[in-house]
Amino acid sequence: MSEETIQIGRWNIPKNLLFEYVKFRVLADDYVMLKPDPSRIVPMSDRERSMRWQMCVQRLMEIHRKICKTINVPYSEEPDDEFYKAFVADTDRRIRRLRNK
């Protein structure tokens, strides 16, 4: 059984990992931009927001490492890394599309 993938550049990324990465990027961005959570009655404190953001960033790094391991590329967050550059550009486009819906 083959896992569904999405092509980014010359790499085939597992769809479930890519979508999980995008989800946590959106959450992390929302915490940084101080977007309110409409489901909460009491607003988050700055400390809670900071802790949630840190958890999201940690999860993003874990997912990124898992993707790199799965597609057999070295983990890197260097702006000039070929895979990282393509990966960030693709996830940025996906997030912009989500926010414009």
PDB file of N, CA and C in Angstrom:
ATOM      1  N   MET A   1       0.851  -1.169   0.000  1.00  0.00           N
ATOM      2  CA  MET A   1       0.000   0.000   0.000  1.00  0.00           C
ATOM      3  C   MET A   1       0.903   1.241   0.000  1.00  0.00           C
ATOM      4  N   SER A   2       0.696   2.112  -0.945  1.00  0.00           N
ATOM      5  CA  SER A   2       1.524   3.316  -1.015  1.00  0.00           C
ATOM      6  C   SER A   2       0.784   4.493  -0.382  1.00  0.00           C
ATOM      7  N   GLU A   3       1.546   5.301   0.293  1.00  0.00           N
ATOM      8  CA  GLU A   3       0.999   6.478   0.960  1.00  0.00           C
ATOM      9  C   GLU A   3       0.810   7.589  -0.065  1.00  0.00           C
ATOM     10  N   GLU A   4      -0.248   8.368   0.085  1.00  0.00           N
ATOM     11  CA  GLU A   4      -0.459   9.508  -0.806  1.00  0.00           C
ATOM     12  C   GLU A   4       0.638  10.536  -0.575  1.00  0.00           C
ATOM     13  N   THR A   5       1.119  11.096  -1.675  1.00  0.00           N
ATOM     14  CA  THR A   5       2.173  12.108  -1.571  1.00  0.00           C
ATOM     15  C   THR A   5       1.804  13.340  -2.383  1.00  0.00           C
ATOM     16  N   ILE A   6       2.482  14.416  -2.062  1.00  0.00           N
ATOM     17  CA  ILE A   6       2.346  15.669  -2.798  1.00  0.00           C
ATOM     18  C   ILE A   6       3.751  16.062  -3.231  1.00  0.00           C
ATOM     19  N   GLN A   7       3.888  16.399  -4.492  1.00  0.00           N
ATOM     20  CA  GLN A   7       5.208  16.750  -4.999  1.00  0.00           C
ATOM     21  C   GLN A   7       5.528  18.211  -4.704  1.00  0.00           C
ATOM     22  N   ILE A   8       6.709  18.396  -4.126  1.00  0.00           N
ATOM     23  CA  ILE A   8       7.266  19.727  -3.902  1.00  0.00           C
ATOM     24  C   ILE A   8       8.647  19.685  -4.529  1.00  0.00           C
ATOM     25  N   GLY A   9       8.809  20.441  -5.585  1.00  0.00           N
ATOM     26  CA  GLY A   9      10.069  20.357  -6.327  1.00  0.00           C
ATOM     27  C   GLY A   9      10.244  18.950  -6.851  1.00  0.00           C
ATOM     28  N   ARG A  10      11.369  18.343  -6.546  1.00  0.00           N
ATOM     29  CA  ARG A  10      11.610  16.971  -7.011  1.00  0.00           C
ATOM     30  C   ARG A  10      11.342  15.929  -5.928  1.00  0.00           C
ATOM     31  N   TRP A  11      10.728  16.354  -4.832  1.00  0.00           N
ATOM     32  CA  TRP A  11      10.483  15.462  -3.705  1.00  0.00           C
ATOM     33  C   TRP A  11       8.995  15.156  -3.571  1.00  0.00           C
ATOM     34  N   ASN A  12       8.698  13.923  -3.186  1.00  0.00           N
ATOM     35  CA  ASN A  12       7.329  13.504  -2.911  1.00  0.00           C
ATOM     36  C   ASN A  12       7.143  13.428  -1.406  1.00  0.00           C
ATOM     37  N   ILE A  13       6.376  14.368  -0.893  1.00  0.00           N
ATOM     38  CA  ILE A  13       6.167  14.510   0.548  1.00  0.00           C
ATOM     39  C   ILE A  13       4.881  13.778   0.942  1.00  0.00           C
ATOM     40  N   PRO A  14       4.923  12.964   2.014  1.00  0.00           N
ATOM     41  CA  PRO A  14       3.683  12.335   2.480  1.00  0.00           C
ATOM     42  C   PRO A  14       2.632  13.407   2.794  1.00  0.00           C
ATOM     43  N   LYS A  15       1.477  13.231   2.200  1.00  0.00           N
ATOM     44  CA  LYS A  15       0.396  14.213   2.313  1.00  0.00           C
ATOM     45  C   LYS A  15       0.013  14.478   3.768  1.00  0.00           C
ATOM     46  N   ASN A  16      -0.094  13.421   4.565  1.00  0.00           N
ATOM     47  CA  ASN A  16      -0.508  13.602   5.955  1.00  0.00           C
ATOM     48  C   ASN A  16       0.504  14.432   6.739  1.00  0.00           C
ATOM     49  N   LEU A  17       1.797  14.254   6.491  1.00  0.00           N
ATOM     50  CA  LEU A  17       2.816  15.045   7.195  1.00  0.00           C
ATOM     51  C   LEU A  17       2.798  16.504   6.727  1.00  0.00           C
ATOM     52  N   LEU A  18       2.633  16.696   5.433  1.00  0.00           N
ATOM     53  CA  LEU A  18       2.585  18.061   4.907  1.00  0.00           C
ATOM     54  C   LEU A  18       1.394  18.822   5.486  1.00  0.00           C
ATOM     55  N   PHE A  19       0.222  18.202   5.508  1.00  0.00           N
ATOM     56  CA  PHE A  19      -0.961  18.870   6.037  1.00  0.00           C
ATOM     57  C   PHE A  19      -0.848  19.127   7.537  1.00  0.00           C
ATOM     58  N   GLU A  20      -0.211  18.204   8.258  1.00  0.00           N
ATOM     59  CA  GLU A  20       0.003  18.411   9.692  1.00  0.00           C
ATOM     60  C   GLU A  20       0.960  19.589   9.909  1.00  0.00           C
ATOM     61  N   TYR A  21       1.994  19.685   9.087  1.00  0.00           N
ATOM     62  CA  TYR A  21       2.943  20.796   9.178  1.00  0.00           C
ATOM     63  C   TYR A  21       2.224  22.126   8.940  1.00  0.00           C
ATOM     64  N   VAL A  22       1.400  22.174   7.895  1.00  0.00           N
ATOM     65  CA  VAL A  22       0.666  23.403   7.578  1.00  0.00           C
ATOM     66  C   VAL A  22      -0.263  23.780   8.733  1.00  0.00           C
ATOM     67  N   LYS A  23      -0.936  22.798   9.310  1.00  0.00           N
ATOM     68  CA  LYS A  23      -1.852  23.061  10.429  1.00  0.00           C
ATOM     69  C   LYS A  23      -1.105  23.702  11.603  1.00  0.00           C
ATOM     70  N   PHE A  24       0.054  23.159  11.951  1.00  0.00           N
ATOM     71  CA  PHE A  24       0.799  23.709  13.079  1.00  0.00           C
ATOM     72  C   PHE A  24       1.442  25.049  12.745  1.00  0.00           C
ATOM     73  N   ARG A  25       1.787  25.284  11.481  1.00  0.00           N
ATOM     74  CA  ARG A  25       2.290  26.609  11.080  1.00  0.00           C
ATOM     75  C   ARG A  25       1.207  27.661  11.253  1.00  0.00           C
ATOM     76  N   VAL A  26      -0.016  27.320  10.859  1.00  0.00           N
ATOM     77  CA  VAL A  26      -1.135  28.254  11.015  1.00  0.00           C
ATOM     78  C   VAL A  26      -1.369  28.549  12.496  1.00  0.00           C
ATOM     79  N   LEU A  27      -1.379  27.502  13.323  1.00  0.00           N
ATOM     80  CA  LEU A  27      -1.569  27.708  14.757  1.00  0.00           C
ATOM     81  C   LEU A  27      -0.468  28.585  15.345  1.00  0.00           C
ATOM     82  N   ALA A  28       0.779  28.281  15.013  1.00  0.00           N
ATOM     83  CA  ALA A  28       1.905  29.068  15.532  1.00  0.00           C
ATOM     84  C   ALA A  28       1.787  30.521  15.090  1.00  0.00           C
ATOM     85  N   ASP A  29       1.475  30.737  13.824  1.00  0.00           N
ATOM     86  CA  ASP A  29       1.318  32.105  13.314  1.00  0.00           C
ATOM     87  C   ASP A  29       0.199  32.842  14.047  1.00  0.00           C
ATOM     88  N   ASP A  30      -0.905  32.157  14.297  1.00  0.00           N
ATOM     89  CA  ASP A  30      -2.027  32.783  15.001  1.00  0.00           C
ATOM     90  C   ASP A  30      -1.639  33.193  16.418  1.00  0.00           C
ATOM     91  N   TYR A  31      -0.866  32.350  17.097  1.00  0.00           N
ATOM     92  CA  TYR A  31      -0.428  32.707  18.451  1.00  0.00           C
ATOM     93  C   TYR A  31       0.479  33.928  18.423  1.00  0.00           C
ATOM     94  N   VAL A  32       1.353  34.009  17.431  1.00  0.00           N
ATOM     95  CA  VAL A  32       2.258  35.158  17.311  1.00  0.00           C
ATOM     96  C   VAL A  32       1.480  36.424  16.970  1.00  0.00           C
ATOM     97  N   MET A  33       0.489  36.300  16.081  1.00  0.00           N
ATOM     98  CA  MET A  33      -0.287  37.471  15.654  1.00  0.00           C
ATOM     99  C   MET A  33      -1.391  37.841  16.641  1.00  0.00           C
ATOM    100  N   LEU A  34      -1.423  37.139  17.776  1.00  0.00           N
ATOM    101  CA  LEU A  34      -2.394  37.408  18.848  1.00  0.00           C
ATOM    102  C   LEU A  34      -3.841  37.292  18.384  1.00  0.00           C
ATOM    103  N   LYS A  35      -4.093  36.370  17.469  1.00  0.00           N
ATOM    104  CA  LYS A  35      -5.471  36.170  17.012  1.00  0.00           C
ATOM    105  C   LYS A  35      -6.279  35.523  18.137  1.00  0.00           C
ATOM    106  N   PRO A  36      -7.447  36.052  18.405  1.00  0.00           N
ATOM    107  CA  PRO A  36      -8.261  35.473  19.475  1.00  0.00           C
ATOM    108  C   PRO A  36      -8.852  34.136  19.051  1.00  0.00           C
ATOM    109  N   ASP A  37      -9.052  33.292  20.032  1.00  0.00           N
ATOM    110  CA  ASP A  37      -9.704  32.005  19.810  1.00  0.00           C
ATOM    111  C   ASP A  37     -11.185  32.196  20.126  1.00  0.00           C
ATOM    112  N   PRO A  38     -12.051  32.152  19.095  1.00  0.00           N
ATOM    113  CA  PRO A  38     -13.475  32.437  19.339  1.00  0.00           C
ATOM    114  C   PRO A  38     -14.157  31.412  20.239  1.00  0.00           C
ATOM    115  N   SER A  39     -13.564  30.236  20.418  1.00  0.00           N
ATOM    116  CA  SER A  39     -14.195  29.211  21.247  1.00  0.00           C
ATOM    117  C   SER A  39     -13.895  29.407  22.734  1.00  0.00           C
ATOM    118  N   ARG A  40     -12.988  30.329  23.049  1.00  0.00           N
ATOM    119  CA  ARG A  40     -12.621  30.555  24.456  1.00  0.00           C
ATOM    120  C   ARG A  40     -13.443  31.693  25.050  1.00  0.00           C
ATOM    121  N   ILE A  41     -13.944  31.475  26.249  1.00  0.00           N
ATOM    122  CA  ILE A  41     -14.700  32.511  26.952  1.00  0.00           C
ATOM    123  C   ILE A  41     -13.719  33.512  27.566  1.00  0.00           C
ATOM    124  N   VAL A  42     -12.657  32.999  28.167  1.00  0.00           N
ATOM    125  CA  VAL A  42     -11.640  33.843  28.797  1.00  0.00           C
ATOM    126  C   VAL A  42     -10.437  33.911  27.853  1.00  0.00           C
ATOM    127  N   PRO A  43      -9.979  35.097  27.486  1.00  0.00           N
ATOM    128  CA  PRO A  43      -8.820  35.202  26.589  1.00  0.00           C
ATOM    129  C   PRO A  43      -7.571  34.576  27.210  1.00  0.00           C
ATOM    130  N   MET A  44      -6.661  34.151  26.354  1.00  0.00           N
ATOM    131  CA  MET A  44      -5.410  33.561  26.807  1.00  0.00           C
ATOM    132  C   MET A  44      -4.497  34.617  27.411  1.00  0.00           C
ATOM    133  N   SER A  45      -3.781  34.210  28.418  1.00  0.00           N
ATOM    134  CA  SER A  45      -2.762  35.100  28.970  1.00  0.00           C
ATOM    135  C   SER A  45      -1.556  35.086  28.018  1.00  0.00           C
ATOM    136  N   ASP A  46      -0.706  36.079  28.167  1.00  0.00           N
ATOM    137  CA  ASP A  46       0.508  36.119  27.343  1.00  0.00           C
ATOM    138  C   ASP A  46       1.368  34.891  27.580  1.00  0.00           C
ATOM    139  N   ARG A  47       1.441  34.453  28.815  1.00  0.00           N
ATOM    140  CA  ARG A  47       2.238  33.265  29.147  1.00  0.00           C
ATOM    141  C   ARG A  47       1.678  32.020  28.459  1.00  0.00           C
ATOM    142  N   GLU A  48       0.368  31.826  28.520  1.00  0.00           N
ATOM    143  CA  GLU A  48      -0.241  30.662  27.874  1.00  0.00           C
ATOM    144  C   GLU A  48      -0.022  30.719  26.367  1.00  0.00           C
ATOM    145  N   ARG A  49      -0.225  31.879  25.782  1.00  0.00           N
ATOM    146  CA  ARG A  49      -0.036  32.042  24.345  1.00  0.00           C
ATOM    147  C   ARG A  49       1.408  31.707  23.965  1.00  0.00           C
ATOM    148  N   SER A  50       2.362  32.182  24.751  1.00  0.00           N
ATOM    149  CA  SER A  50       3.773  31.920  24.489  1.00  0.00           C
ATOM    150  C   SER A  50       4.085  30.429  24.586  1.00  0.00           C
ATOM    151  N   MET A  51       3.541  29.783  25.601  1.00  0.00           N
ATOM    152  CA  MET A  51       3.777  28.342  25.766  1.00  0.00           C
ATOM    153  C   MET A  51       3.163  27.549  24.612  1.00  0.00           C
ATOM    154  N   ARG A  52       1.974  27.930  24.198  1.00  0.00           N
ATOM    155  CA  ARG A  52       1.337  27.235  23.071  1.00  0.00           C
ATOM    156  C   ARG A  52       2.133  27.444  21.787  1.00  0.00           C
ATOM    157  N   TRP A  53       2.635  28.665  21.587  1.00  0.00           N
ATOM    158  CA  TRP A  53       3.452  28.941  20.406  1.00  0.00           C
ATOM    159  C   TRP A  53       4.709  28.066  20.432  1.00  0.00           C
ATOM    160  N   GLN A  54       5.365  27.983  21.586  1.00  0.00           N
ATOM    161  CA  GLN A  54       6.568  27.159  21.705  1.00  0.00           C
ATOM    162  C   GLN A  54       6.277  25.694  21.415  1.00  0.00           C
ATOM    163  N   MET A  55       5.141  25.200  21.871  1.00  0.00           N
ATOM    164  CA  MET A  55       4.765  23.810  21.599  1.00  0.00           C
ATOM    165  C   MET A  55       4.548  23.607  20.098  1.00  0.00           C
ATOM    166  N   CYS A  56       3.925  24.574  19.442  1.00  0.00           N
ATOM    167  CA  CYS A  56       3.708  24.479  17.998  1.00  0.00           C
ATOM    168  C   CYS A  56       5.037  24.460  17.243  1.00  0.00           C
ATOM    169  N   VAL A  57       5.953  25.327  17.637  1.00  0.00           N
ATOM    170  CA  VAL A  57       7.248  25.387  16.975  1.00  0.00           C
ATOM    171  C   VAL A  57       8.007  24.076  17.172  1.00  0.00           C
ATOM    172  N   GLN A  58       7.941  23.533  18.369  1.00  0.00           N
ATOM    173  CA  GLN A  58       8.591  22.246  18.626  1.00  0.00           C
ATOM    174  C   GLN A  58       7.990  21.160  17.735  1.00  0.00           C
ATOM    175  N   ARG A  59       6.676  21.163  17.623  1.00  0.00           N
ATOM    176  CA  ARG A  59       6.000  20.160  16.777  1.00  0.00           C
ATOM    177  C   ARG A  59       6.373  20.359  15.313  1.00  0.00           C
ATOM    178  N   LEU A  60       6.486  21.607  14.863  1.00  0.00           N
ATOM    179  CA  LEU A  60       6.897  21.875  13.480  1.00  0.00           C
ATOM    180  C   LEU A  60       8.270  21.281  13.194  1.00  0.00           C
ATOM    181  N   MET A  61       9.191  21.452  14.122  1.00  0.00           N
ATOM    182  CA  MET A  61      10.533  20.905  13.936  1.00  0.00           C
ATOM    183  C   MET A  61      10.498  19.379  13.879  1.00  0.00           C
ATOM    184  N   GLU A  62       9.672  18.761  14.724  1.00  0.00           N
ATOM    185  CA  GLU A  62       9.538  17.302  14.716  1.00  0.00           C
ATOM    186  C   GLU A  62       8.988  16.812  13.381  1.00  0.00           C
ATOM    187  N   ILE A  63       7.961  17.474  12.885  1.00  0.00           N
ATOM    188  CA  ILE A  63       7.355  17.080  11.609  1.00  0.00           C
ATOM    189  C   ILE A  63       8.352  17.283  10.473  1.00  0.00           C
ATOM    190  N   HIS A  64       9.059  18.401  10.486  1.00  0.00           N
ATOM    191  CA  HIS A  64      10.057  18.679   9.449  1.00  0.00           C
ATOM    192  C   HIS A  64      11.130  17.593   9.453  1.00  0.00           C
ATOM    193  N   ARG A  65      11.612  17.223  10.627  1.00  0.00           N
ATOM    194  CA  ARG A  65      12.616  16.149  10.729  1.00  0.00           C
ATOM    195  C   ARG A  65      12.059  14.831  10.181  1.00  0.00           C
ATOM    196  N   LYS A  66      10.817  14.546  10.509  1.00  0.00           N
ATOM    197  CA  LYS A  66      10.186  13.301  10.045  1.00  0.00           C
ATOM    198  C   LYS A  66      10.060  13.304   8.519  1.00  0.00           C
ATOM    199  N   ILE A  67       9.685  14.445   7.950  1.00  0.00           N
ATOM    200  CA  ILE A  67       9.586  14.558   6.494  1.00  0.00           C
ATOM    201  C   ILE A  67      10.957  14.334   5.868  1.00  0.00           C
ATOM    202  N   CYS A  68      11.976  14.990   6.409  1.00  0.00           N
ATOM    203  CA  CYS A  68      13.334  14.840   5.861  1.00  0.00           C
ATOM    204  C   CYS A  68      13.792  13.385   5.926  1.00  0.00           C
ATOM    205  N   LYS A  69      13.516  12.736   7.041  1.00  0.00           N
ATOM    206  CA  LYS A  69      13.901  11.329   7.186  1.00  0.00           C
ATOM    207  C   LYS A  69      13.154  10.458   6.177  1.00  0.00           C
ATOM    208  N   THR A  70      11.869  10.734   6.004  1.00  0.00           N
ATOM    209  CA  THR A  70      11.034   9.941   5.090  1.00  0.00           C
ATOM    210  C   THR A  70      11.499  10.069   3.647  1.00  0.00           C
ATOM    211  N   ILE A  71      11.900  11.268   3.237  1.00  0.00           N
ATOM    212  CA  ILE A  71      12.310  11.476   1.839  1.00  0.00           C
ATOM    213  C   ILE A  71      13.820  11.389   1.659  1.00  0.00           C
ATOM    214  N   ASN A  72      14.506  11.076   2.773  1.00  0.00           N
ATOM    215  CA  ASN A  72      15.942  10.844   2.737  1.00  0.00           C
ATOM    216  C   ASN A  72      16.758  12.064   2.305  1.00  0.00           C
ATOM    217  N   VAL A  73      16.464  13.199   2.930  1.00  0.00           N
ATOM    218  CA  VAL A  73      17.284  14.400   2.733  1.00  0.00           C
ATOM    219  C   VAL A  73      17.762  14.847   4.115  1.00  0.00           C
ATOM    220  N   PRO A  74      18.937  15.450   4.194  1.00  0.00           N
ATOM    221  CA  PRO A  74      19.411  15.928   5.500  1.00  0.00           C
ATOM    222  C   PRO A  74      18.522  17.051   6.029  1.00  0.00           C
ATOM    223  N   TYR A  75      18.270  17.018   7.325  1.00  0.00           N
ATOM    224  CA  TYR A  75      17.474  18.067   7.962  1.00  0.00           C
ATOM    225  C   TYR A  75      18.245  19.369   7.898  1.00  0.00           C
ATOM    226  N   SER A  76      17.575  20.416   7.462  1.00  0.00           N
ATOM    227  CA  SER A  76      18.195  21.734   7.410  1.00  0.00           C
ATOM    228  C   SER A  76      17.122  22.802   7.459  1.00  0.00           C
ATOM    229  N   GLU A  77      17.459  23.905   8.107  1.00  0.00           N
ATOM    230  CA  GLU A  77      16.603  25.096   8.098  1.00  0.00           C
ATOM    231  C   GLU A  77      17.376  26.275   7.532  1.00  0.00           C
ATOM    232  N   GLU A  78      18.389  25.965   6.757  1.00  0.00           N
ATOM    233  CA  GLU A  78      19.191  27.000   6.108  1.00  0.00           C
ATOM    234  C   GLU A  78      18.422  27.561   4.911  1.00  0.00           C
ATOM    235  N   PRO A  79      18.340  28.876   4.776  1.00  0.00           N
ATOM    236  CA  PRO A  79      17.574  29.484   3.680  1.00  0.00           C
ATOM    237  C   PRO A  79      18.059  29.091   2.287  1.00  0.00           C
ATOM    238  N   ASP A  80      19.319  28.709   2.157  1.00  0.00           N
ATOM    239  CA  ASP A  80      19.826  28.340   0.830  1.00  0.00           C
ATOM    240  C   ASP A  80      19.753  26.835   0.554  1.00  0.00           C
ATOM    241  N   ASP A  81      19.225  26.047   1.510  1.00  0.00           N
ATOM    242  CA  ASP A  81      19.052  24.612   1.287  1.00  0.00           C
ATOM    243  C   ASP A  81      17.949  24.399   0.254  1.00  0.00           C
ATOM    244  N   GLU A  82      18.231  23.615  -0.770  1.00  0.00           N
ATOM    245  CA  GLU A  82      17.298  23.429  -1.887  1.00  0.00           C
ATOM    246  C   GLU A  82      15.936  22.904  -1.435  1.00  0.00           C
ATOM    247  N   PHE A  83      15.934  21.850  -0.611  1.00  0.00           N
ATOM    248  CA  PHE A  83      14.664  21.298  -0.164  1.00  0.00           C
ATOM    249  C   PHE A  83      13.935  22.278   0.754  1.00  0.00           C
ATOM    250  N   TYR A  84      14.640  22.834   1.724  1.00  0.00           N
ATOM    251  CA  TYR A  84      13.998  23.725   2.680  1.00  0.00           C
ATOM    252  C   TYR A  84      13.378  24.938   1.991  1.00  0.00           C
ATOM    253  N   LYS A  85      14.089  25.479   1.027  1.00  0.00           N
ATOM    254  CA  LYS A  85      13.575  26.636   0.283  1.00  0.00           C
ATOM    255  C   LYS A  85      12.270  26.282  -0.443  1.00  0.00           C
ATOM    256  N   ALA A  86      12.250  25.139  -1.124  1.00  0.00           N
ATOM    257  CA  ALA A  86      11.047  24.703  -1.845  1.00  0.00           C
ATOM    258  C   ALA A  86       9.917  24.382  -0.871  1.00  0.00           C
ATOM    259  N   PHE A  87      10.251  23.745   0.249  1.00  0.00           N
ATOM    260  CA  PHE A  87       9.271  23.348   1.245  1.00  0.00           C
ATOM    261  C   PHE A  87       8.600  24.572   1.867  1.00  0.00           C
ATOM    262  N   VAL A  88       9.386  25.557   2.251  1.00  0.00           N
ATOM    263  CA  VAL A  88       8.835  26.778   2.861  1.00  0.00           C
ATOM    264  C   VAL A  88       7.975  27.541   1.854  1.00  0.00           C
ATOM    265  N   ALA A  89       8.438  27.647   0.625  1.00  0.00           N
ATOM    266  CA  ALA A  89       7.658  28.355  -0.402  1.00  0.00           C
ATOM    267  C   ALA A  89       6.305  27.672  -0.604  1.00  0.00           C
ATOM    268  N   ASP A  90       6.303  26.348  -0.661  1.00  0.00           N
ATOM    269  CA  ASP A  90       5.056  25.608  -0.870  1.00  0.00           C
ATOM    270  C   ASP A  90       4.121  25.769   0.332  1.00  0.00           C
ATOM    271  N   THR A  91       4.643  25.610   1.537  1.00  0.00           N
ATOM    272  CA  THR A  91       3.765  25.736   2.704  1.00  0.00           C
ATOM    273  C   THR A  91       3.257  27.166   2.865  1.00  0.00           C
ATOM    274  N   ASP A  92       4.077  28.154   2.527  1.00  0.00           N
ATOM    275  CA  ASP A  92       3.607  29.549   2.561  1.00  0.00           C
ATOM    276  C   ASP A  92       2.429  29.751   1.606  1.00  0.00           C
ATOM    277  N   ARG A  93       2.526  29.198   0.391  1.00  0.00           N
ATOM    278  CA  ARG A  93       1.422  29.311  -0.587  1.00  0.00           C
ATOM    279  C   ARG A  93       0.161  28.642  -0.050  1.00  0.00           C
ATOM    280  N   ARG A  94       0.310  27.471   0.535  1.00  0.00           N
ATOM    281  CA  ARG A  94      -0.852  26.758   1.078  1.00  0.00           C
ATOM    282  C   ARG A  94      -1.513  27.557   2.203  1.00  0.00           C
ATOM    283  N   ILE A  95      -0.717  28.159   3.046  1.00  0.00           N
ATOM    284  CA  ILE A  95      -1.265  28.944   4.153  1.00  0.00           C
ATOM    285  C   ILE A  95      -1.974  30.189   3.647  1.00  0.00           C
ATOM    286  N   ARG A  96      -1.399  30.855   2.655  1.00  0.00           N
ATOM    287  CA  ARG A  96      -2.077  32.031   2.079  1.00  0.00           C
ATOM    288  C   ARG A  96      -3.424  31.633   1.486  1.00  0.00           C
ATOM    289  N   ARG A  97      -3.473  30.499   0.783  1.00  0.00           N
ATOM    290  CA  ARG A  97      -4.753  30.032   0.225  1.00  0.00           C
ATOM    291  C   ARG A  97      -5.767  29.743   1.318  1.00  0.00           C
ATOM    292  N   LEU A  98      -5.315  29.116   2.397  1.00  0.00           N
ATOM    293  CA  LEU A  98      -6.232  28.834   3.504  1.00  0.00           C
ATOM    294  C   LEU A  98      -6.792  30.104   4.123  1.00  0.00           C
ATOM    295  N   ARG A  99      -5.947  31.080   4.301  1.00  0.00           N
ATOM    296  CA  ARG A  99      -6.372  32.340   4.932  1.00  0.00           C
ATOM    297  C   ARG A  99      -7.276  33.164   4.027  1.00  0.00           C
ATOM    298  N   ASN A 100      -7.176  32.970   2.722  1.00  0.00           N
ATOM    299  CA  ASN A 100      -7.998  33.739   1.780  1.00  0.00           C
ATOM    300  C   ASN A 100      -9.349  33.095   1.505  1.00  0.00           C
ATOM    301  N   LYS A 101      -9.628  31.960   2.115  1.00  0.00           N
ATOM    302  CA  LYS A 101     -10.930  31.306   1.882  1.00  0.00           C
ATOM    303  C   LYS A 101     -12.011  31.996   2.650  1.00  0.00           C
TER     304      LYS A 101
END
